[in-house]
Amino acid sequence: MRNERGTITLWVLGLCLCVLFLGGMSLDLWRGIAVRRDLQSMADGAAIAGADGLDEQSLRSGGADLDAALVRRLAAENLAAQSGTQRVDDMVVTIEGNRAVVRLRGHVHTSLLGVFIGDRRFEVSVRASAEPRRVP
């Protein structure tokens, strides 16, 4: 019919916008997963390095207690050594019991999805812990 000219063009245009939106979501999701993987690797390394911060007095008496200041310093040094391209927004090192716990937070800027929602970013957080063990 003559009054329906251009309807296929509108359908194809709408379909293209939907595909672009889904492509943007998947691209940004995979970028978020990659950033999370990198942050988790960095947090694991920092936690393991922090778990080497044993208190000398405890070690001499046969224990394996952690020194809080040494744990923080070792974890920060390890993180600085391995944070090449990945930007860490926040790092928190705590001692829970006798475990060195490292929490890292980073972010991912939207790329293709930014066409629809603007230049926004979403946060990525990870947590890793390690504890010293005495092996006889």
N, C-alpha and C. Protein backbone atom coordinates (compact mmCIF):
# COMPACT_ATOMS: atom_id res chain seq x y z
N MET A 1 0.84 -1.18 0.00
CA MET A 1 0.00 0.00 0.00
C MET A 1 0.89 1.24 0.00
N ARG A 2 0.37 2.29 -0.51
CA ARG A 2 1.14 3.51 -0.68
C ARG A 2 1.37 4.26 0.64
N ASN A 3 0.49 4.15 1.60
CA ASN A 3 0.65 4.89 2.84
C ASN A 3 1.60 4.19 3.83
N GLU A 4 2.17 3.07 3.44
CA GLU A 4 3.10 2.34 4.31
C GLU A 4 4.54 2.45 3.82
N ARG A 5 4.85 3.37 2.97
CA ARG A 5 6.20 3.53 2.46
C ARG A 5 7.13 4.00 3.58
N GLY A 6 8.27 3.36 3.70
CA GLY A 6 9.27 3.74 4.70
C GLY A 6 9.15 3.00 6.02
N THR A 7 8.18 2.11 6.19
CA THR A 7 8.05 1.40 7.47
C THR A 7 9.22 0.43 7.68
N ILE A 8 9.68 -0.21 6.63
CA ILE A 8 10.82 -1.12 6.76
C ILE A 8 12.06 -0.33 7.17
N THR A 9 12.23 0.85 6.66
CA THR A 9 13.38 1.69 7.03
C THR A 9 13.35 2.00 8.52
N LEU A 10 12.17 2.31 9.04
CA LEU A 10 12.06 2.58 10.47
C LEU A 10 12.35 1.34 11.30
N TRP A 11 11.88 0.19 10.86
CA TRP A 11 12.15 -1.06 11.58
C TRP A 11 13.64 -1.38 11.59
N VAL A 12 14.29 -1.22 10.44
CA VAL A 12 15.73 -1.50 10.35
C VAL A 12 16.51 -0.51 11.20
N LEU A 13 16.13 0.76 11.19
CA LEU A 13 16.80 1.75 12.02
C LEU A 13 16.64 1.42 13.50
N GLY A 14 15.45 1.04 13.92
CA GLY A 14 15.22 0.63 15.31
C GLY A 14 16.03 -0.61 15.68
N LEU A 15 16.09 -1.57 14.76
CA LEU A 15 16.87 -2.78 14.99
C LEU A 15 18.35 -2.46 15.11
N CYS A 16 18.85 -1.56 14.28
CA CYS A 16 20.26 -1.16 14.36
C CYS A 16 20.57 -0.49 15.69
N LEU A 17 19.67 0.34 16.19
CA LEU A 17 19.89 0.97 17.49
C LEU A 17 19.90 -0.07 18.61
N CYS A 18 19.02 -1.05 18.53
CA CYS A 18 19.01 -2.12 19.55
C CYS A 18 20.30 -2.92 19.52
N VAL A 19 20.77 -3.26 18.33
CA VAL A 19 22.02 -4.02 18.20
C VAL A 19 23.20 -3.20 18.72
N LEU A 20 23.23 -1.91 18.43
CA LEU A 20 24.29 -1.04 18.93
C LEU A 20 24.26 -0.97 20.45
N PHE A 21 23.08 -0.87 21.04
CA PHE A 21 22.95 -0.83 22.49
C PHE A 21 23.42 -2.14 23.13
N LEU A 22 22.99 -3.28 22.59
CA LEU A 22 23.42 -4.58 23.12
C LEU A 22 24.92 -4.79 22.93
N GLY A 23 25.45 -4.35 21.81
CA GLY A 23 26.89 -4.44 21.58
C GLY A 23 27.66 -3.60 22.58
N GLY A 24 27.15 -2.41 22.88
CA GLY A 24 27.79 -1.55 23.87
C GLY A 24 27.76 -2.16 25.25
N MET A 25 26.62 -2.77 25.60
CA MET A 25 26.53 -3.43 26.91
C MET A 25 27.52 -4.58 27.01
N SER A 26 27.61 -5.40 25.96
CA SER A 26 28.51 -6.54 26.03
C SER A 26 29.97 -6.10 26.05
N LEU A 27 30.31 -5.09 25.27
CA LEU A 27 31.69 -4.60 25.25
C LEU A 27 32.09 -4.05 26.63
N ASP A 28 31.24 -3.23 27.22
CA ASP A 28 31.56 -2.67 28.53
C ASP A 28 31.54 -3.72 29.62
N LEU A 29 30.68 -4.72 29.49
CA LEU A 29 30.68 -5.82 30.46
C LEU A 29 32.00 -6.58 30.41
N TRP A 30 32.49 -6.88 29.22
CA TRP A 30 33.75 -7.61 29.11
C TRP A 30 34.93 -6.76 29.58
N ARG A 31 34.87 -5.46 29.35
CA ARG A 31 35.92 -4.59 29.87
C ARG A 31 35.89 -4.60 31.40
N GLY A 32 34.70 -4.60 31.99
CA GLY A 32 34.57 -4.68 33.45
C GLY A 32 35.12 -5.99 33.99
N ILE A 33 34.85 -7.08 33.30
CA ILE A 33 35.36 -8.39 33.73
C ILE A 33 36.89 -8.41 33.65
N ALA A 34 37.45 -7.81 32.60
CA ALA A 34 38.92 -7.78 32.46
C ALA A 34 39.55 -6.93 33.57
N VAL A 35 38.94 -5.80 33.90
CA VAL A 35 39.47 -4.95 34.97
C VAL A 35 39.36 -5.67 36.30
N ARG A 36 38.25 -6.36 36.53
CA ARG A 36 38.08 -7.11 37.78
C ARG A 36 39.14 -8.20 37.90
N ARG A 37 39.41 -8.91 36.81
CA ARG A 37 40.44 -9.95 36.82
C ARG A 37 41.81 -9.37 37.15
N ASP A 38 42.14 -8.23 36.54
CA ASP A 38 43.43 -7.59 36.82
C ASP A 38 43.52 -7.12 38.27
N LEU A 39 42.44 -6.50 38.76
CA LEU A 39 42.44 -6.05 40.16
C LEU A 39 42.55 -7.22 41.13
N GLN A 40 41.87 -8.33 40.82
CA GLN A 40 41.93 -9.49 41.70
C GLN A 40 43.34 -10.06 41.74
N SER A 41 43.99 -10.10 40.61
CA SER A 41 45.38 -10.58 40.57
C SER A 41 46.30 -9.67 41.40
N MET A 42 46.10 -8.37 41.28
CA MET A 42 46.90 -7.43 42.04
C MET A 42 46.62 -7.55 43.54
N ALA A 43 45.35 -7.72 43.91
CA ALA A 43 44.99 -7.87 45.33
C ALA A 43 45.55 -9.16 45.90
N ASP A 44 45.53 -10.24 45.13
CA ASP A 44 46.10 -11.50 45.60
C ASP A 44 47.59 -11.36 45.88
N GLY A 45 48.31 -10.73 44.95
CA GLY A 45 49.74 -10.53 45.13
C GLY A 45 50.05 -9.65 46.34
N ALA A 46 49.26 -8.58 46.49
CA ALA A 46 49.49 -7.68 47.63
C ALA A 46 49.17 -8.36 48.95
N ALA A 47 48.14 -9.20 48.99
CA ALA A 47 47.79 -9.91 50.22
C ALA A 47 48.87 -10.93 50.59
N ILE A 48 49.38 -11.61 49.60
CA ILE A 48 50.45 -12.59 49.87
C ILE A 48 51.71 -11.88 50.34
N ALA A 49 52.03 -10.76 49.70
CA ALA A 49 53.19 -9.99 50.15
C ALA A 49 52.97 -9.46 51.56
N GLY A 50 51.76 -9.00 51.86
CA GLY A 50 51.46 -8.49 53.19
C GLY A 50 51.54 -9.57 54.25
N ALA A 51 51.20 -10.81 53.88
CA ALA A 51 51.26 -11.91 54.84
C ALA A 51 52.69 -12.26 55.23
N ASP A 52 53.66 -11.72 54.51
CA ASP A 52 55.07 -11.91 54.89
C ASP A 52 55.51 -10.94 55.98
N GLY A 53 54.66 -10.02 56.36
CA GLY A 53 55.00 -9.02 57.36
C GLY A 53 54.85 -9.54 58.77
N LEU A 54 55.71 -10.46 59.12
CA LEU A 54 55.62 -11.10 60.45
C LEU A 54 56.30 -10.24 61.51
N ASP A 55 55.74 -10.26 62.67
CA ASP A 55 56.31 -9.58 63.83
C ASP A 55 57.52 -10.38 64.29
N GLU A 56 58.67 -9.71 64.40
CA GLU A 56 59.92 -10.41 64.75
C GLU A 56 59.85 -11.05 66.12
N GLN A 57 59.27 -10.36 67.07
CA GLN A 57 59.18 -10.91 68.43
C GLN A 57 58.33 -12.17 68.44
N SER A 58 57.23 -12.15 67.73
CA SER A 58 56.37 -13.33 67.65
C SER A 58 57.08 -14.48 66.94
N LEU A 59 57.82 -14.16 65.92
CA LEU A 59 58.54 -15.18 65.16
C LEU A 59 59.63 -15.83 66.01
N ARG A 60 60.31 -15.04 66.84
CA ARG A 60 61.35 -15.59 67.71
C ARG A 60 60.79 -16.48 68.79
N SER A 61 59.56 -16.20 69.21
CA SER A 61 58.95 -17.03 70.25
C SER A 61 58.16 -18.21 69.68
N GLY A 62 58.25 -18.43 68.36
CA GLY A 62 57.60 -19.59 67.75
C GLY A 62 56.23 -19.31 67.17
N GLY A 63 55.80 -18.09 67.19
CA GLY A 63 54.49 -17.74 66.64
C GLY A 63 54.60 -17.24 65.21
N ALA A 64 53.48 -16.78 64.70
CA ALA A 64 53.45 -16.23 63.34
C ALA A 64 52.46 -15.08 63.29
N ASP A 65 52.58 -14.13 64.24
CA ASP A 65 51.67 -12.99 64.27
C ASP A 65 52.15 -11.93 63.29
N LEU A 66 51.20 -11.17 62.79
CA LEU A 66 51.52 -10.13 61.81
C LEU A 66 51.78 -8.78 62.48
N ASP A 67 52.67 -8.02 61.88
CA ASP A 67 52.94 -6.65 62.29
C ASP A 67 52.16 -5.74 61.34
N ALA A 68 51.19 -4.98 61.85
CA ALA A 68 50.26 -4.22 61.02
C ALA A 68 50.98 -3.22 60.11
N ALA A 69 51.93 -2.50 60.65
CA ALA A 69 52.64 -1.49 59.84
C ALA A 69 53.45 -2.15 58.73
N LEU A 70 54.09 -3.26 59.04
CA LEU A 70 54.88 -3.98 58.03
C LEU A 70 53.99 -4.58 56.96
N VAL A 71 52.83 -5.11 57.36
CA VAL A 71 51.87 -5.67 56.40
C VAL A 71 51.44 -4.59 55.42
N ARG A 72 51.08 -3.42 55.92
CA ARG A 72 50.63 -2.32 55.04
C ARG A 72 51.75 -1.88 54.10
N ARG A 73 52.96 -1.79 54.61
CA ARG A 73 54.07 -1.35 53.78
C ARG A 73 54.38 -2.35 52.68
N LEU A 74 54.43 -3.64 53.03
CA LEU A 74 54.73 -4.67 52.04
C LEU A 74 53.64 -4.77 50.98
N ALA A 75 52.39 -4.66 51.40
CA ALA A 75 51.28 -4.72 50.44
C ALA A 75 51.31 -3.52 49.50
N ALA A 76 51.59 -2.34 50.04
CA ALA A 76 51.64 -1.14 49.20
C ALA A 76 52.81 -1.20 48.22
N GLU A 77 53.96 -1.70 48.67
CA GLU A 77 55.12 -1.82 47.78
C GLU A 77 54.83 -2.81 46.66
N ASN A 78 54.19 -3.93 47.00
CA ASN A 78 53.86 -4.93 46.00
C ASN A 78 52.86 -4.37 44.99
N LEU A 79 51.89 -3.65 45.47
CA LEU A 79 50.89 -3.07 44.58
C LEU A 79 51.52 -2.02 43.66
N ALA A 80 52.42 -1.21 44.19
CA ALA A 80 53.09 -0.20 43.37
C ALA A 80 53.96 -0.86 42.30
N ALA A 81 54.55 -2.00 42.62
CA ALA A 81 55.41 -2.69 41.66
C ALA A 81 54.62 -3.34 40.53
N GLN A 82 53.38 -3.73 40.78
CA GLN A 82 52.63 -4.44 39.75
C GLN A 82 51.51 -3.64 39.11
N SER A 83 51.29 -2.40 39.52
CA SER A 83 50.20 -1.62 38.94
C SER A 83 50.72 -0.80 37.77
N GLY A 84 51.03 -1.48 36.67
CA GLY A 84 51.55 -0.80 35.49
C GLY A 84 50.50 0.06 34.80
N THR A 85 49.57 -0.56 34.09
CA THR A 85 48.58 0.20 33.34
C THR A 85 47.26 0.31 34.07
N GLN A 86 47.01 -0.58 34.98
CA GLN A 86 45.72 -0.60 35.70
C GLN A 86 45.73 0.44 36.81
N ARG A 87 44.75 1.31 36.82
CA ARG A 87 44.66 2.36 37.84
C ARG A 87 43.80 1.88 39.00
N VAL A 88 44.34 1.95 40.19
CA VAL A 88 43.62 1.58 41.40
C VAL A 88 43.11 2.85 42.06
N ASP A 89 41.81 2.94 42.27
CA ASP A 89 41.23 4.13 42.90
C ASP A 89 41.44 4.14 44.41
N ASP A 90 41.34 2.98 45.03
CA ASP A 90 41.42 2.93 46.49
C ASP A 90 41.99 1.59 46.92
N MET A 91 42.84 1.61 47.95
CA MET A 91 43.40 0.38 48.51
C MET A 91 43.28 0.46 50.02
N VAL A 92 42.71 -0.59 50.60
CA VAL A 92 42.58 -0.68 52.05
C VAL A 92 43.21 -1.99 52.49
N VAL A 93 44.16 -1.90 53.40
CA VAL A 93 44.83 -3.09 53.94
C VAL A 93 44.48 -3.16 55.42
N THR A 94 43.89 -4.28 55.83
CA THR A 94 43.55 -4.49 57.23
C THR A 94 44.06 -5.85 57.67
N ILE A 95 44.06 -6.04 58.98
CA ILE A 95 44.39 -7.34 59.54
C ILE A 95 43.17 -7.84 60.29
N GLU A 96 42.65 -8.96 59.86
CA GLU A 96 41.49 -9.58 60.50
C GLU A 96 41.95 -10.90 61.10
N GLY A 97 41.98 -10.95 62.41
CA GLY A 97 42.56 -12.12 63.06
C GLY A 97 44.05 -12.11 62.81
N ASN A 98 44.53 -13.11 62.11
CA ASN A 98 45.94 -13.16 61.72
C ASN A 98 46.03 -13.25 60.19
N ARG A 99 45.10 -12.59 59.51
CA ARG A 99 45.05 -12.59 58.05
C ARG A 99 45.27 -11.17 57.53
N ALA A 100 46.06 -11.06 56.49
CA ALA A 100 46.23 -9.79 55.78
C ALA A 100 45.12 -9.71 54.74
N VAL A 101 44.29 -8.68 54.83
CA VAL A 101 43.16 -8.52 53.91
C VAL A 101 43.38 -7.25 53.10
N VAL A 102 43.32 -7.40 51.78
CA VAL A 102 43.51 -6.28 50.86
C VAL A 102 42.23 -6.09 50.07
N ARG A 103 41.72 -4.85 50.08
CA ARG A 103 40.55 -4.49 49.29
C ARG A 103 40.97 -3.42 48.29
N LEU A 104 40.69 -3.69 47.00
CA LEU A 104 41.01 -2.74 45.95
C LEU A 104 39.73 -2.31 45.25
N ARG A 105 39.75 -1.07 44.79
CA ARG A 105 38.60 -0.55 44.05
C ARG A 105 39.12 0.18 42.82
N GLY A 106 38.52 -0.10 41.69
CA GLY A 106 38.86 0.56 40.43
C GLY A 106 37.59 0.93 39.70
N HIS A 107 37.73 1.36 38.47
CA HIS A 107 36.55 1.74 37.70
C HIS A 107 36.77 1.46 36.22
N VAL A 108 35.66 1.42 35.50
CA VAL A 108 35.66 1.23 34.06
C VAL A 108 34.80 2.33 33.45
N HIS A 109 35.36 3.06 32.51
CA HIS A 109 34.57 4.06 31.79
C HIS A 109 33.78 3.36 30.68
N THR A 110 32.56 3.80 30.48
CA THR A 110 31.76 3.24 29.40
C THR A 110 32.34 3.71 28.07
N SER A 111 32.29 2.84 27.07
CA SER A 111 32.81 3.22 25.75
C SER A 111 31.64 3.33 24.77
N LEU A 112 31.28 2.24 24.15
CA LEU A 112 30.19 2.27 23.17
C LEU A 112 28.85 2.55 23.84
N LEU A 113 28.68 2.07 25.04
CA LEU A 113 27.44 2.33 25.77
C LEU A 113 27.32 3.80 26.15
N GLY A 114 28.43 4.51 26.19
CA GLY A 114 28.43 5.93 26.49
C GLY A 114 27.64 6.75 25.49
N VAL A 115 27.42 6.23 24.29
CA VAL A 115 26.59 6.92 23.30
C VAL A 115 25.17 7.08 23.84
N PHE A 116 24.70 6.08 24.60
CA PHE A 116 23.33 6.09 25.09
C PHE A 116 23.18 6.71 26.47
N ILE A 117 24.16 6.47 27.35
CA ILE A 117 23.99 6.92 28.74
C ILE A 117 24.96 8.03 29.13
N GLY A 118 25.78 8.47 28.22
CA GLY A 118 26.74 9.53 28.54
C GLY A 118 28.04 8.96 29.06
N ASP A 119 28.97 9.85 29.34
CA ASP A 119 30.29 9.43 29.82
C ASP A 119 30.21 9.11 31.30
N ARG A 120 29.90 7.88 31.59
CA ARG A 120 29.80 7.42 32.98
C ARG A 120 30.81 6.32 33.21
N ARG A 121 30.92 5.92 34.45
CA ARG A 121 31.81 4.82 34.79
C ARG A 121 31.13 3.95 35.83
N PHE A 122 31.57 2.72 35.94
CA PHE A 122 31.07 1.86 36.99
C PHE A 122 32.23 1.30 37.79
N GLU A 123 31.96 1.09 39.08
CA GLU A 123 32.99 0.69 40.03
C GLU A 123 33.19 -0.83 40.01
N VAL A 124 34.43 -1.23 40.27
CA VAL A 124 34.80 -2.64 40.39
C VAL A 124 35.56 -2.79 41.70
N SER A 125 35.12 -3.71 42.57
CA SER A 125 35.78 -3.93 43.86
C SER A 125 36.17 -5.39 44.00
N VAL A 126 37.32 -5.62 44.61
CA VAL A 126 37.80 -6.98 44.87
C VAL A 126 38.36 -7.05 46.28
N ARG A 127 38.48 -8.28 46.78
CA ARG A 127 39.01 -8.53 48.13
C ARG A 127 39.86 -9.79 48.08
N ALA A 128 41.00 -9.74 48.74
CA ALA A 128 41.87 -10.91 48.83
C ALA A 128 42.44 -10.97 50.24
N SER A 129 42.71 -12.18 50.70
CA SER A 129 43.30 -12.34 52.03
C SER A 129 44.32 -13.47 52.01
N ALA A 130 45.27 -13.37 52.90
CA ALA A 130 46.31 -14.40 53.03
C ALA A 130 46.77 -14.40 54.48
N GLU A 131 47.19 -15.55 54.95
CA GLU A 131 47.68 -15.64 56.31
C GLU A 131 48.98 -16.43 56.36
N PRO A 132 49.86 -16.06 57.28
CA PRO A 132 51.13 -16.78 57.40
C PRO A 132 50.90 -18.13 58.09
N ARG A 133 51.71 -19.09 57.70
CA ARG A 133 51.63 -20.42 58.32
C ARG A 133 53.03 -20.88 58.68
N ARG A 134 53.12 -21.46 59.83
CA ARG A 134 54.39 -22.04 60.25
C ARG A 134 54.39 -23.50 59.85
N VAL A 135 55.39 -23.87 59.08
CA VAL A 135 55.52 -25.25 58.66
C VAL A 135 56.69 -25.86 59.42
N PRO A 136 56.45 -26.97 60.12
CA PRO A 136 57.55 -27.54 60.91
C PRO A 136 58.67 -28.08 60.07
